PDB file of N, CA and C in Angstrom:
ATOM      1  N   MET A   1       0.851  -1.181   0.000  1.00  0.00           N
ATOM      2  CA  MET A   1       0.000   0.000   0.000  1.00  0.00           C
ATOM      3  C   MET A   1       0.893   1.241   0.000  1.00  0.00           C
ATOM      4  N   LYS A   2       0.540   2.179  -0.858  1.00  0.00           N
ATOM      5  CA  LYS A   2       1.270   3.440  -0.923  1.00  0.00           C
ATOM      6  C   LYS A   2       0.438   4.522  -0.240  1.00  0.00           C
ATOM      7  N   ILE A   3       1.042   5.224   0.667  1.00  0.00           N
ATOM      8  CA  ILE A   3       0.351   6.303   1.382  1.00  0.00           C
ATOM      9  C   ILE A   3       0.814   7.637   0.823  1.00  0.00           C
ATOM     10  N   GLU A   4      -0.145   8.479   0.492  1.00  0.00           N
ATOM     11  CA  GLU A   4       0.129   9.838   0.025  1.00  0.00           C
ATOM     12  C   GLU A   4      -0.352  10.807   1.092  1.00  0.00           C
ATOM     13  N   ILE A   5       0.452  11.786   1.414  1.00  0.00           N
ATOM     14  CA  ILE A   5       0.085  12.795   2.408  1.00  0.00           C
ATOM     15  C   ILE A   5      -0.251  14.087   1.683  1.00  0.00           C
ATOM     16  N   VAL A   6      -1.470  14.568   1.910  1.00  0.00           N
ATOM     17  CA  VAL A   6      -1.934  15.813   1.305  1.00  0.00           C
ATOM     18  C   VAL A   6      -2.049  16.869   2.391  1.00  0.00           C
ATOM     19  N   ALA A   7      -1.328  17.952   2.218  1.00  0.00           N
ATOM     20  CA  ALA A   7      -1.427  19.077   3.141  1.00  0.00           C
ATOM     21  C   ALA A   7      -2.655  19.893   2.749  1.00  0.00           C
ATOM     22  N   GLU A   8      -3.673  19.887   3.594  1.00  0.00           N
ATOM     23  CA  GLU A   8      -4.916  20.634   3.335  1.00  0.00           C
ATOM     24  C   GLU A   8      -4.680  22.087   3.740  1.00  0.00           C
ATOM     25  N   LEU A   9      -4.400  22.918   2.745  1.00  0.00           N
ATOM     26  CA  LEU A   9      -4.065  24.315   3.000  1.00  0.00           C
ATOM     27  C   LEU A   9      -5.261  25.242   2.779  1.00  0.00           C
ATOM     28  N   ALA A  10      -6.250  24.746   2.047  1.00  0.00           N
ATOM     29  CA  ALA A  10      -7.538  25.431   1.842  1.00  0.00           C
ATOM     30  C   ALA A  10      -7.340  26.918   1.562  1.00  0.00           C
ATOM     31  N   GLN A  11      -7.812  27.762   2.473  1.00  0.00           N
ATOM     32  CA  GLN A  11      -7.678  29.213   2.354  1.00  0.00           C
ATOM     33  C   GLN A  11      -6.701  29.770   3.380  1.00  0.00           C
ATOM     34  N   GLY A  12      -5.791  28.922   3.851  1.00  0.00           N
ATOM     35  CA  GLY A  12      -4.809  29.353   4.846  1.00  0.00           C
ATOM     36  C   GLY A  12      -3.925  30.493   4.363  1.00  0.00           C
ATOM     37  N   PHE A  13      -3.907  30.723   3.071  1.00  0.00           N
ATOM     38  CA  PHE A  13      -3.084  31.803   2.511  1.00  0.00           C
ATOM     39  C   PHE A  13      -3.798  33.153   2.548  1.00  0.00           C
ATOM     40  N   GLU A  14      -5.101  33.137   2.813  1.00  0.00           N
ATOM     41  CA  GLU A  14      -5.908  34.356   2.982  1.00  0.00           C
ATOM     42  C   GLU A  14      -5.776  35.344   1.824  1.00  0.00           C
ATOM     43  N   GLY A  15      -5.632  34.820   0.611  1.00  0.00           N
ATOM     44  CA  GLY A  15      -5.536  35.675  -0.568  1.00  0.00           C
ATOM     45  C   GLY A  15      -4.152  36.250  -0.815  1.00  0.00           C
ATOM     46  N   CYS A  16      -3.161  35.813  -0.040  1.00  0.00           N
ATOM     47  CA  CYS A  16      -1.795  36.348  -0.145  1.00  0.00           C
ATOM     48  C   CYS A  16      -0.891  35.324  -0.831  1.00  0.00           C
ATOM     49  N   PRO A  17      -0.419  35.619  -2.025  1.00  0.00           N
ATOM     50  CA  PRO A  17       0.418  34.667  -2.765  1.00  0.00           C
ATOM     51  C   PRO A  17       1.699  34.280  -2.027  1.00  0.00           C
ATOM     52  N   GLU A  18       2.335  35.231  -1.371  1.00  0.00           N
ATOM     53  CA  GLU A  18       3.574  34.927  -0.656  1.00  0.00           C
ATOM     54  C   GLU A  18       3.311  33.956   0.492  1.00  0.00           C
ATOM     55  N   GLN A  19       2.200  34.139   1.169  1.00  0.00           N
ATOM     56  CA  GLN A  19       1.837  33.228   2.249  1.00  0.00           C
ATOM     57  C   GLN A  19       1.553  31.828   1.691  1.00  0.00           C
ATOM     58  N   ALA A  20       0.914  31.761   0.530  1.00  0.00           N
ATOM     59  CA  ALA A  20       0.650  30.471  -0.103  1.00  0.00           C
ATOM     60  C   ALA A  20       1.953  29.744  -0.414  1.00  0.00           C
ATOM     61  N   LYS A  21       2.933  30.454  -0.926  1.00  0.00           N
ATOM     62  CA  LYS A  21       4.215  29.831  -1.247  1.00  0.00           C
ATOM     63  C   LYS A  21       4.934  29.357   0.017  1.00  0.00           C
ATOM     64  N   LEU A  22       4.816  30.111   1.092  1.00  0.00           N
ATOM     65  CA  LEU A  22       5.398  29.673   2.370  1.00  0.00           C
ATOM     66  C   LEU A  22       4.719  28.397   2.874  1.00  0.00           C
ATOM     67  N   LEU A  23       3.408  28.310   2.686  1.00  0.00           N
ATOM     68  CA  LEU A  23       2.681  27.106   3.084  1.00  0.00           C
ATOM     69  C   LEU A  23       3.122  25.896   2.266  1.00  0.00           C
ATOM     70  N   VAL A  24       3.364  26.109   0.978  1.00  0.00           N
ATOM     71  CA  VAL A  24       3.861  25.022   0.121  1.00  0.00           C
ATOM     72  C   VAL A  24       5.219  24.544   0.627  1.00  0.00           C
ATOM     73  N   LYS A  25       6.101  25.479   0.915  1.00  0.00           N
ATOM     74  CA  LYS A  25       7.440  25.125   1.401  1.00  0.00           C
ATOM     75  C   LYS A  25       7.354  24.353   2.713  1.00  0.00           C
ATOM     76  N   ALA A  26       6.496  24.804   3.612  1.00  0.00           N
ATOM     77  CA  ALA A  26       6.333  24.123   4.903  1.00  0.00           C
ATOM     78  C   ALA A  26       5.767  22.720   4.710  1.00  0.00           C
ATOM     79  N   ALA A  27       4.796  22.578   3.821  1.00  0.00           N
ATOM     80  CA  ALA A  27       4.206  21.264   3.557  1.00  0.00           C
ATOM     81  C   ALA A  27       5.247  20.307   2.990  1.00  0.00           C
ATOM     82  N   ALA A  28       6.053  20.794   2.057  1.00  0.00           N
ATOM     83  CA  ALA A  28       7.100  19.961   1.463  1.00  0.00           C
ATOM     84  C   ALA A  28       8.124  19.562   2.516  1.00  0.00           C
ATOM     85  N   LYS A  29       8.511  20.509   3.329  1.00  0.00           N
ATOM     86  CA  LYS A  29       9.500  20.236   4.376  1.00  0.00           C
ATOM     87  C   LYS A  29       8.964  19.225   5.395  1.00  0.00           C
ATOM     88  N   ALA A  30       7.652  19.232   5.616  1.00  0.00           N
ATOM     89  CA  ALA A  30       7.027  18.299   6.557  1.00  0.00           C
ATOM     90  C   ALA A  30       6.840  16.907   5.945  1.00  0.00           C
ATOM     91  N   GLY A  31       7.104  16.777   4.649  1.00  0.00           N
ATOM     92  CA  GLY A  31       7.024  15.476   4.005  1.00  0.00           C
ATOM     93  C   GLY A  31       5.740  15.198   3.247  1.00  0.00           C
ATOM     94  N   ALA A  32       4.918  16.220   3.043  1.00  0.00           N
ATOM     95  CA  ALA A  32       3.676  16.026   2.285  1.00  0.00           C
ATOM     96  C   ALA A  32       3.996  15.748   0.818  1.00  0.00           C
ATOM     97  N   ASN A  33       3.153  14.945   0.205  1.00  0.00           N
ATOM     98  CA  ASN A  33       3.284  14.656  -1.221  1.00  0.00           C
ATOM     99  C   ASN A  33       2.560  15.693  -2.069  1.00  0.00           C
ATOM    100  N   ALA A  34       1.558  16.347  -1.469  1.00  0.00           N
ATOM    101  CA  ALA A  34       0.743  17.306  -2.215  1.00  0.00           C
ATOM    102  C   ALA A  34       0.305  18.446  -1.305  1.00  0.00           C
ATOM    103  N   ALA A  35       0.054  19.582  -1.932  1.00  0.00           N
ATOM    104  CA  ALA A  35      -0.490  20.751  -1.245  1.00  0.00           C
ATOM    105  C   ALA A  35      -1.818  21.079  -1.915  1.00  0.00           C
ATOM    106  N   LYS A  36      -2.892  21.129  -1.129  1.00  0.00           N
ATOM    107  CA  LYS A  36      -4.223  21.383  -1.700  1.00  0.00           C
ATOM    108  C   LYS A  36      -4.745  22.738  -1.240  1.00  0.00           C
ATOM    109  N   PHE A  37      -5.093  23.549  -2.218  1.00  0.00           N
ATOM    110  CA  PHE A  37      -5.662  24.876  -1.977  1.00  0.00           C
ATOM    111  C   PHE A  37      -7.056  24.952  -2.581  1.00  0.00           C
ATOM    112  N   GLN A  38      -7.844  25.901  -2.125  1.00  0.00           N
ATOM    113  CA  GLN A  38      -9.116  26.226  -2.750  1.00  0.00           C
ATOM    114  C   GLN A  38      -8.873  27.350  -3.746  1.00  0.00           C
ATOM    115  N   LEU A  39      -9.199  27.095  -5.005  1.00  0.00           N
ATOM    116  CA  LEU A  39      -9.058  28.113  -6.042  1.00  0.00           C
ATOM    117  C   LEU A  39     -10.394  28.857  -6.098  1.00  0.00           C
ATOM    118  N   ILE A  40     -10.411  30.009  -5.487  1.00  0.00           N
ATOM    119  CA  ILE A  40     -11.651  30.751  -5.261  1.00  0.00           C
ATOM    120  C   ILE A  40     -11.868  31.843  -6.310  1.00  0.00           C
ATOM    121  N   TYR A  41     -13.054  31.822  -6.876  1.00  0.00           N
ATOM    122  CA  TYR A  41     -13.617  32.966  -7.606  1.00  0.00           C
ATOM    123  C   TYR A  41     -14.976  33.207  -6.964  1.00  0.00           C
ATOM    124  N   ALA A  42     -15.156  34.369  -6.398  1.00  0.00           N
ATOM    125  CA  ALA A  42     -16.360  34.671  -5.624  1.00  0.00           C
ATOM    126  C   ALA A  42     -17.638  34.376  -6.403  1.00  0.00           C
ATOM    127  N   ASP A  43     -17.636  34.703  -7.690  1.00  0.00           N
ATOM    128  CA  ASP A  43     -18.859  34.514  -8.485  1.00  0.00           C
ATOM    129  C   ASP A  43     -19.187  33.045  -8.735  1.00  0.00           C
ATOM    130  N   GLU A  44     -18.234  32.149  -8.504  1.00  0.00           N
ATOM    131  CA  GLU A  44     -18.526  30.724  -8.596  1.00  0.00           C
ATOM    132  C   GLU A  44     -19.157  30.195  -7.311  1.00  0.00           C
ATOM    133  N   LEU A  45     -18.993  30.939  -6.242  1.00  0.00           N
ATOM    134  CA  LEU A  45     -19.480  30.485  -4.932  1.00  0.00           C
ATOM    135  C   LEU A  45     -20.754  31.165  -4.463  1.00  0.00           C
ATOM    136  N   ALA A  46     -20.977  32.383  -4.924  1.00  0.00           N
ATOM    137  CA  ALA A  46     -22.089  33.150  -4.362  1.00  0.00           C
ATOM    138  C   ALA A  46     -22.556  34.236  -5.323  1.00  0.00           C
ATOM    139  N   THR A  47     -23.769  34.692  -5.097  1.00  0.00           N
ATOM    140  CA  THR A  47     -24.282  35.840  -5.840  1.00  0.00           C
ATOM    141  C   THR A  47     -23.766  37.111  -5.180  1.00  0.00           C
ATOM    142  N   ASP A  48     -23.825  38.205  -5.931  1.00  0.00           N
ATOM    143  CA  ASP A  48     -23.320  39.487  -5.428  1.00  0.00           C
ATOM    144  C   ASP A  48     -23.984  39.919  -4.122  1.00  0.00           C
ATOM    145  N   ASP A  49     -25.227  39.551  -3.914  1.00  0.00           N
ATOM    146  CA  ASP A  49     -25.948  40.009  -2.724  1.00  0.00           C
ATOM    147  C   ASP A  49     -25.742  39.100  -1.495  1.00  0.00           C
ATOM    148  N   TYR A  50     -24.988  38.024  -1.647  1.00  0.00           N
ATOM    149  CA  TYR A  50     -24.711  37.141  -0.516  1.00  0.00           C
ATOM    150  C   TYR A  50     -23.778  37.850   0.458  1.00  0.00           C
ATOM    151  N   LYS A  51     -24.038  37.727   1.740  1.00  0.00           N
ATOM    152  CA  LYS A  51     -23.297  38.510   2.734  1.00  0.00           C
ATOM    153  C   LYS A  51     -21.796  38.219   2.760  1.00  0.00           C
ATOM    154  N   TYR A  52     -21.361  37.064   2.280  1.00  0.00           N
ATOM    155  CA  TYR A  52     -19.932  36.748   2.295  1.00  0.00           C
ATOM    156  C   TYR A  52     -19.262  36.874   0.924  1.00  0.00           C
ATOM    157  N   HIS A  53     -19.986  37.428  -0.037  1.00  0.00           N
ATOM    158  CA  HIS A  53     -19.406  37.587  -1.375  1.00  0.00           C
ATOM    159  C   HIS A  53     -18.124  38.408  -1.330  1.00  0.00           C
ATOM    160  N   SER A  54     -18.099  39.488  -0.575  1.00  0.00           N
ATOM    161  CA  SER A  54     -16.892  40.326  -0.505  1.00  0.00           C
ATOM    162  C   SER A  54     -15.738  39.582   0.167  1.00  0.00           C
ATOM    163  N   LEU A  55     -16.041  38.741   1.125  1.00  0.00           N
ATOM    164  CA  LEU A  55     -15.001  37.915   1.744  1.00  0.00           C
ATOM    165  C   LEU A  55     -14.412  36.971   0.704  1.00  0.00           C
ATOM    166  N   PHE A  56     -15.268  36.290  -0.047  1.00  0.00           N
ATOM    167  CA  PHE A  56     -14.779  35.397  -1.101  1.00  0.00           C
ATOM    168  C   PHE A  56     -13.940  36.171  -2.117  1.00  0.00           C
ATOM    169  N   SER A  57     -14.368  37.381  -2.449  1.00  0.00           N
ATOM    170  CA  SER A  57     -13.616  38.217  -3.400  1.00  0.00           C
ATOM    171  C   SER A  57     -12.214  38.520  -2.879  1.00  0.00           C
ATOM    172  N   SER A  58     -12.101  38.730  -1.579  1.00  0.00           N
ATOM    173  CA  SER A  58     -10.799  39.057  -0.990  1.00  0.00           C
ATOM    174  C   SER A  58      -9.831  37.874  -1.027  1.00  0.00           C
ATOM    175  N   LEU A  59     -10.336  36.683  -1.246  1.00  0.00           N
ATOM    176  CA  LEU A  59      -9.501  35.482  -1.289  1.00  0.00           C
ATOM    177  C   LEU A  59      -9.043  35.137  -2.705  1.00  0.00           C
ATOM    178  N   GLU A  60      -9.557  35.846  -3.689  1.00  0.00           N
ATOM    179  CA  GLU A  60      -9.171  35.590  -5.079  1.00  0.00           C
ATOM    180  C   GLU A  60      -7.729  36.027  -5.310  1.00  0.00           C
ATOM    181  N   MET A  61      -7.047  35.268  -6.171  1.00  0.00           N
ATOM    182  CA  MET A  61      -5.707  35.657  -6.585  1.00  0.00           C
ATOM    183  C   MET A  61      -5.660  35.665  -8.107  1.00  0.00           C
ATOM    184  N   LYS A  62      -4.712  36.373  -8.632  1.00  0.00           N
ATOM    185  CA  LYS A  62      -4.535  36.490 -10.075  1.00  0.00           C
ATOM    186  C   LYS A  62      -3.946  35.198 -10.648  1.00  0.00           C
ATOM    187  N   GLU A  63      -4.159  35.005 -11.941  1.00  0.00           N
ATOM    188  CA  GLU A  63      -3.632  33.818 -12.611  1.00  0.00           C
ATOM    189  C   GLU A  63      -2.120  33.712 -12.452  1.00  0.00           C
ATOM    190  N   TYR A  64      -1.399  34.834 -12.552  1.00  0.00           N
ATOM    191  CA  TYR A  64       0.056  34.782 -12.427  1.00  0.00           C
ATOM    192  C   TYR A  64       0.486  34.378 -11.021  1.00  0.00           C
ATOM    193  N   ASP A  65      -0.343  34.684 -10.005  1.00  0.00           N
ATOM    194  CA  ASP A  65      -0.033  34.228  -8.648  1.00  0.00           C
ATOM    195  C   ASP A  65      -0.119  32.712  -8.562  1.00  0.00           C
ATOM    196  N   TRP A  66      -1.182  32.144  -9.168  1.00  0.00           N
ATOM    197  CA  TRP A  66      -1.332  30.691  -9.165  1.00  0.00           C
ATOM    198  C   TRP A  66      -0.207  30.036  -9.973  1.00  0.00           C
ATOM    199  N   THR A  67       0.235  30.685 -11.035  1.00  0.00           N
ATOM    200  CA  THR A  67       1.357  30.172 -11.816  1.00  0.00           C
ATOM    201  C   THR A  67       2.611  30.111 -10.960  1.00  0.00           C
ATOM    202  N   ASP A  68       2.850  31.152 -10.168  1.00  0.00           N
ATOM    203  CA  ASP A  68       4.008  31.162  -9.267  1.00  0.00           C
ATOM    204  C   ASP A  68       3.896  30.083  -8.194  1.00  0.00           C
ATOM    205  N   ILE A  69       2.694  29.869  -7.688  1.00  0.00           N
ATOM    206  CA  ILE A  69       2.488  28.826  -6.675  1.00  0.00           C
ATOM    207  C   ILE A  69       2.763  27.458  -7.279  1.00  0.00           C
ATOM    208  N   LYS A  70       2.304  27.241  -8.512  1.00  0.00           N
ATOM    209  CA  LYS A  70       2.573  25.971  -9.194  1.00  0.00           C
ATOM    210  C   LYS A  70       4.073  25.783  -9.380  1.00  0.00           C
ATOM    211  N   LYS A  71       4.780  26.844  -9.753  1.00  0.00           N
ATOM    212  CA  LYS A  71       6.236  26.764  -9.916  1.00  0.00           C
ATOM    213  C   LYS A  71       6.900  26.423  -8.590  1.00  0.00           C
ATOM    214  N   THR A  72       6.410  27.009  -7.504  1.00  0.00           N
ATOM    215  CA  THR A  72       6.957  26.711  -6.177  1.00  0.00           C
ATOM    216  C   THR A  72       6.732  25.238  -5.838  1.00  0.00           C
ATOM    217  N   CYS A  73       5.547  24.727  -6.136  1.00  0.00           N
ATOM    218  CA  CYS A  73       5.280  23.301  -5.915  1.00  0.00           C
ATOM    219  C   CYS A  73       6.253  22.445  -6.715  1.00  0.00           C
ATOM    220  N   ASP A  74       6.456  22.800  -7.962  1.00  0.00           N
ATOM    221  CA  ASP A  74       7.371  22.041  -8.814  1.00  0.00           C
ATOM    222  C   ASP A  74       8.796  22.089  -8.263  1.00  0.00           C
ATOM    223  N   GLU A  75       9.228  23.264  -7.794  1.00  0.00           N
ATOM    224  CA  GLU A  75      10.571  23.405  -7.235  1.00  0.00           C
ATOM    225  C   GLU A  75      10.774  22.507  -6.021  1.00  0.00           C
ATOM    226  N   TYR A  76       9.723  22.328  -5.233  1.00  0.00           N
ATOM    227  CA  TYR A  76       9.810  21.528  -4.009  1.00  0.00           C
ATOM    228  C   TYR A  76       9.300  20.099  -4.203  1.00  0.00           C
ATOM    229  N   SER A  77       9.060  19.725  -5.450  1.00  0.00           N
ATOM    230  CA  SER A  77       8.610  18.363  -5.800  1.00  0.00           C
ATOM    231  C   SER A  77       7.387  17.938  -4.995  1.00  0.00           C
ATOM    232  N   ILE A  78       6.413  18.841  -4.959  1.00  0.00           N
ATOM    233  CA  ILE A  78       5.157  18.566  -4.274  1.00  0.00           C
ATOM    234  C   ILE A  78       4.018  18.855  -5.256  1.00  0.00           C
ATOM    235  N   GLU A  79       3.058  17.954  -5.314  1.00  0.00           N
ATOM    236  CA  GLU A  79       1.949  18.116  -6.251  1.00  0.00           C
ATOM    237  C   GLU A  79       1.009  19.227  -5.783  1.00  0.00           C
ATOM    238  N   LEU A  80       0.545  20.022  -6.718  1.00  0.00           N
ATOM    239  CA  LEU A  80      -0.488  21.021  -6.443  1.00  0.00           C
ATOM    240  C   LEU A  80      -1.839  20.407  -6.765  1.00  0.00           C
ATOM    241  N   ILE A  81      -2.729  20.400  -5.776  1.00  0.00           N
ATOM    242  CA  ILE A  81      -4.103  19.957  -5.949  1.00  0.00           C
ATOM    243  C   ILE A  81      -4.992  21.160  -5.684  1.00  0.00           C
ATOM    244  N   LEU A  82      -6.016  21.328  -6.501  1.00  0.00           N
ATOM    245  CA  LEU A  82      -6.899  22.482  -6.342  1.00  0.00           C
ATOM    246  C   LEU A  82      -8.346  22.057  -6.178  1.00  0.00           C
ATOM    247  N   ASP A  83      -9.028  22.663  -5.193  1.00  0.00           N
ATOM    248  CA  ASP A  83     -10.475  22.593  -5.111  1.00  0.00           C
ATOM    249  C   ASP A  83     -11.002  23.543  -6.169  1.00  0.00           C
ATOM    250  N   VAL A  84     -11.899  23.075  -7.012  1.00  0.00           N
ATOM    251  CA  VAL A  84     -12.504  23.936  -8.026  1.00  0.00           C
ATOM    252  C   VAL A  84     -14.007  24.006  -7.767  1.00  0.00           C
ATOM    253  N   PHE A  85     -14.577  25.166  -8.072  1.00  0.00           N
ATOM    254  CA  PHE A  85     -15.980  25.417  -7.754  1.00  0.00           C
ATOM    255  C   PHE A  85     -16.802  25.814  -8.965  1.00  0.00           C
ATOM    256  N   GLY A  86     -16.194  25.773 -10.147  1.00  0.00           N
ATOM    257  CA  GLY A  86     -16.903  26.148 -11.363  1.00  0.00           C
ATOM    258  C   GLY A  86     -15.976  26.071 -12.560  1.00  0.00           C
ATOM    259  N   THR A  87     -16.494  26.457 -13.712  1.00  0.00           N
ATOM    260  CA  THR A  87     -15.742  26.307 -14.955  1.00  0.00           C
ATOM    261  C   THR A  87     -14.530  27.241 -15.037  1.00  0.00           C
ATOM    262  N   LYS A  88     -14.604  28.414 -14.414  1.00  0.00           N
ATOM    263  CA  LYS A  88     -13.466  29.338 -14.456  1.00  0.00           C
ATOM    264  C   LYS A  88     -12.285  28.769 -13.666  1.00  0.00           C
ATOM    265  N   SER A  89     -12.551  28.271 -12.462  1.00  0.00           N
ATOM    266  CA  SER A  89     -11.463  27.699 -11.673  1.00  0.00           C
ATOM    267  C   SER A  89     -10.967  26.399 -12.306  1.00  0.00           C
ATOM    268  N   LEU A  90     -11.851  25.613 -12.892  1.00  0.00           N
ATOM    269  CA  LEU A  90     -11.442  24.398 -13.588  1.00  0.00           C
ATOM    270  C   LEU A  90     -10.535  24.736 -14.773  1.00  0.00           C
ATOM    271  N   ALA A  91     -10.891  25.764 -15.535  1.00  0.00           N
ATOM    272  CA  ALA A  91     -10.080  26.157 -16.691  1.00  0.00           C
ATOM    273  C   ALA A  91      -8.671  26.558 -16.258  1.00  0.00           C
ATOM    274  N   LEU A  92      -8.563  27.272 -15.140  1.00  0.00           N
ATOM    275  CA  LEU A  92      -7.230  27.661 -14.661  1.00  0.00           C
ATOM    276  C   LEU A  92      -6.463  26.431 -14.178  1.00  0.00           C
ATOM    277  N   ALA A  93      -7.136  25.520 -13.496  1.00  0.00           N
ATOM    278  CA  ALA A  93      -6.469  24.280 -13.060  1.00  0.00           C
ATOM    279  C   ALA A  93      -5.926  23.520 -14.269  1.00  0.00           C
ATOM    280  N   GLU A  94      -6.707  23.466 -15.334  1.00  0.00           N
ATOM    281  CA  GLU A  94      -6.256  22.803 -16.562  1.00  0.00           C
ATOM    282  C   GLU A  94      -5.072  23.533 -17.173  1.00  0.00           C
ATOM    283  N   LYS A  95      -5.136  24.852 -17.192  1.00  0.00           N
ATOM    284  CA  LYS A  95      -4.045  25.651 -17.759  1.00  0.00           C
ATOM    285  C   LYS A  95      -2.752  25.446 -16.968  1.00  0.00           C
ATOM    286  N   LEU A  96      -2.892  25.309 -15.642  1.00  0.00           N
ATOM    287  CA  LEU A  96      -1.731  25.077 -14.784  1.00  0.00           C
ATOM    288  C   LEU A  96      -1.228  23.639 -14.861  1.00  0.00           C
ATOM    289  N   ARG A  97      -2.023  22.792 -15.516  1.00  0.00           N
ATOM    290  CA  ARG A  97      -1.703  21.377 -15.674  1.00  0.00           C
ATOM    291  C   ARG A  97      -1.600  20.636 -14.337  1.00  0.00           C
ATOM    292  N   VAL A  98      -2.522  20.962 -13.441  1.00  0.00           N
ATOM    293  CA  VAL A  98      -2.572  20.183 -12.212  1.00  0.00           C
ATOM    294  C   VAL A  98      -3.144  18.810 -12.554  1.00  0.00           C
ATOM    295  N   LYS A  99      -2.660  17.781 -11.874  1.00  0.00           N
ATOM    296  CA  LYS A  99      -3.107  16.416 -12.155  1.00  0.00           C
ATOM    297  C   LYS A  99      -4.415  16.085 -11.453  1.00  0.00           C
ATOM    298  N   THR A 100      -4.656  16.740 -10.319  1.00  0.00           N
ATOM    299  CA  THR A 100      -5.795  16.381  -9.482  1.00  0.00           C
ATOM    300  C   THR A 100      -6.571  17.625  -9.079  1.00  0.00           C
ATOM    301  N   VAL A 101      -7.891  17.559  -9.251  1.00  0.00           N
ATOM    302  CA  VAL A 101      -8.775  18.596  -8.717  1.00  0.00           C
ATOM    303  C   VAL A 101      -9.758  17.925  -7.777  1.00  0.00           C
ATOM    304  N   LYS A 102     -10.272  18.694  -6.843  1.00  0.00           N
ATOM    305  CA  LYS A 102     -11.266  18.195  -5.904  1.00  0.00           C
ATOM    306  C   LYS A 102     -12.543  18.995  -6.092  1.00  0.00           C
ATOM    307  N   LEU A 103     -13.654  18.289  -6.087  1.00  0.00           N
ATOM    308  CA  LEU A 103     -14.962  18.934  -6.171  1.00  0.00           C
ATOM    309  C   LEU A 103     -15.589  18.963  -4.798  1.00  0.00           C
ATOM    310  N   HIS A 104     -16.368  19.977  -4.561  1.00  0.00           N
ATOM    311  CA  HIS A 104     -17.120  20.059  -3.316  1.00  0.00           C
ATOM    312  C   HIS A 104     -18.300  19.095  -3.388  1.00  0.00           C
ATOM    313  N   ALA A 105     -18.672  18.541  -2.251  1.00  0.00           N
ATOM    314  CA  ALA A 105     -19.783  17.576  -2.204  1.00  0.00           C
ATOM    315  C   ALA A 105     -21.082  18.154  -2.758  1.00  0.00           C
ATOM    316  N   THR A 106     -21.254  19.466  -2.650  1.00  0.00           N
ATOM    317  CA  THR A 106     -22.492  20.070  -3.151  1.00  0.00           C
ATOM    318  C   THR A 106     -22.590  20.021  -4.672  1.00  0.00           C
ATOM    319  N   ASP A 107     -21.497  19.697  -5.348  1.00  0.00           N
ATOM    320  CA  ASP A 107     -21.519  19.596  -6.812  1.00  0.00           C
ATOM    321  C   ASP A 107     -21.919  18.210  -7.305  1.00  0.00           C
ATOM    322  N   ILE A 108     -22.292  17.313  -6.416  1.00  0.00           N
ATOM    323  CA  ILE A 108     -22.642  15.950  -6.802  1.00  0.00           C
ATOM    324  C   ILE A 108     -23.810  15.910  -7.802  1.00  0.00           C
ATOM    325  N   ASN A 109     -24.692  16.894  -7.729  1.00  0.00           N
ATOM    326  CA  ASN A 109     -25.827  16.957  -8.651  1.00  0.00           C
ATOM    327  C   ASN A 109     -25.664  18.031  -9.724  1.00  0.00           C
ATOM    328  N   ASN A 110     -24.495  18.612  -9.809  1.00  0.00           N
ATOM    329  CA  ASN A 110     -24.216  19.648 -10.800  1.00  0.00           C
ATOM    330  C   ASN A 110     -23.780  18.955 -12.097  1.00  0.00           C
ATOM    331  N   ILE A 111     -24.776  18.405 -12.807  1.00  0.00           N
ATOM    332  CA  ILE A 111     -24.517  17.559 -13.970  1.00  0.00           C
ATOM    333  C   ILE A 111     -23.694  18.269 -15.037  1.00  0.00           C
ATOM    334  N   GLY A 112     -24.000  19.524 -15.319  1.00  0.00           N
ATOM    335  CA  GLY A 112     -23.249  20.266 -16.332  1.00  0.00           C
ATOM    336  C   GLY A 112     -21.768  20.371 -15.980  1.00  0.00           C
ATOM    337  N   PHE A 113     -21.487  20.646 -14.725  1.00  0.00           N
ATOM    338  CA  PHE A 113     -20.102  20.763 -14.271  1.00  0.00           C
ATOM    339  C   PHE A 113     -19.413  19.405 -14.303  1.00  0.00           C
ATOM    340  N   LEU A 114     -20.119  18.358 -13.876  1.00  0.00           N
ATOM    341  CA  LEU A 114     -19.547  17.010 -13.899  1.00  0.00           C
ATOM    342  C   LEU A 114     -19.245  16.578 -15.335  1.00  0.00           C
ATOM    343  N   GLU A 115     -20.120  16.929 -16.272  1.00  0.00           N
ATOM    344  CA  GLU A 115     -19.856  16.613 -17.680  1.00  0.00           C
ATOM    345  C   GLU A 115     -18.627  17.345 -18.185  1.00  0.00           C
ATOM    346  N   LYS A 116     -18.476  18.599 -17.785  1.00  0.00           N
ATOM    347  CA  LYS A 116     -17.303  19.385 -18.189  1.00  0.00           C
ATOM    348  C   LYS A 116     -16.026  18.713 -17.671  1.00  0.00           C
ATOM    349  N   LEU A 117     -16.088  18.184 -16.451  1.00  0.00           N
ATOM    350  CA  LEU A 117     -14.932  17.511 -15.874  1.00  0.00           C
ATOM    351  C   LEU A 117     -14.581  16.224 -16.591  1.00  0.00           C
ATOM    352  N   SER A 118     -15.564  15.562 -17.120  1.00  0.00           N
ATOM    353  CA  SER A 118     -15.322  14.275 -17.764  1.00  0.00           C
ATOM    354  C   SER A 118     -14.719  14.389 -19.153  1.00  0.00           C
ATOM    355  N   ASN A 119     -14.673  15.596 -19.696  1.00  0.00           N
ATOM    356  CA  ASN A 119     -14.116  15.796 -21.048  1.00  0.00           C
ATOM    357  C   ASN A 119     -12.622  15.899 -21.038  1.00  0.00           C
TER     358      ASN A 119
END
């Protein structure tokens, strides 16, 4: 049996790319095989009038930030895994060439999104 250790980093970076890279380094140093983050786009999670929409917006990072995080993962030989919440985050995960994405349990009935993933 092969055991893989995934460092669940979620939103521990709080929208700060430098903090995300530090978390990757710490996970690699601790012996994790993968670092998993939530790739957040507020509009994939909530409508504009939802009370936490602005919080979700504050956690968004630019594509070039995610590219740098992927490079940091590659430098430390740790896999980048991303939680995706819609087609925009999935498209970026594909562009970054991550091998593994995680879906939220609430997407179990999101047939359109599941079909997009199967392509």
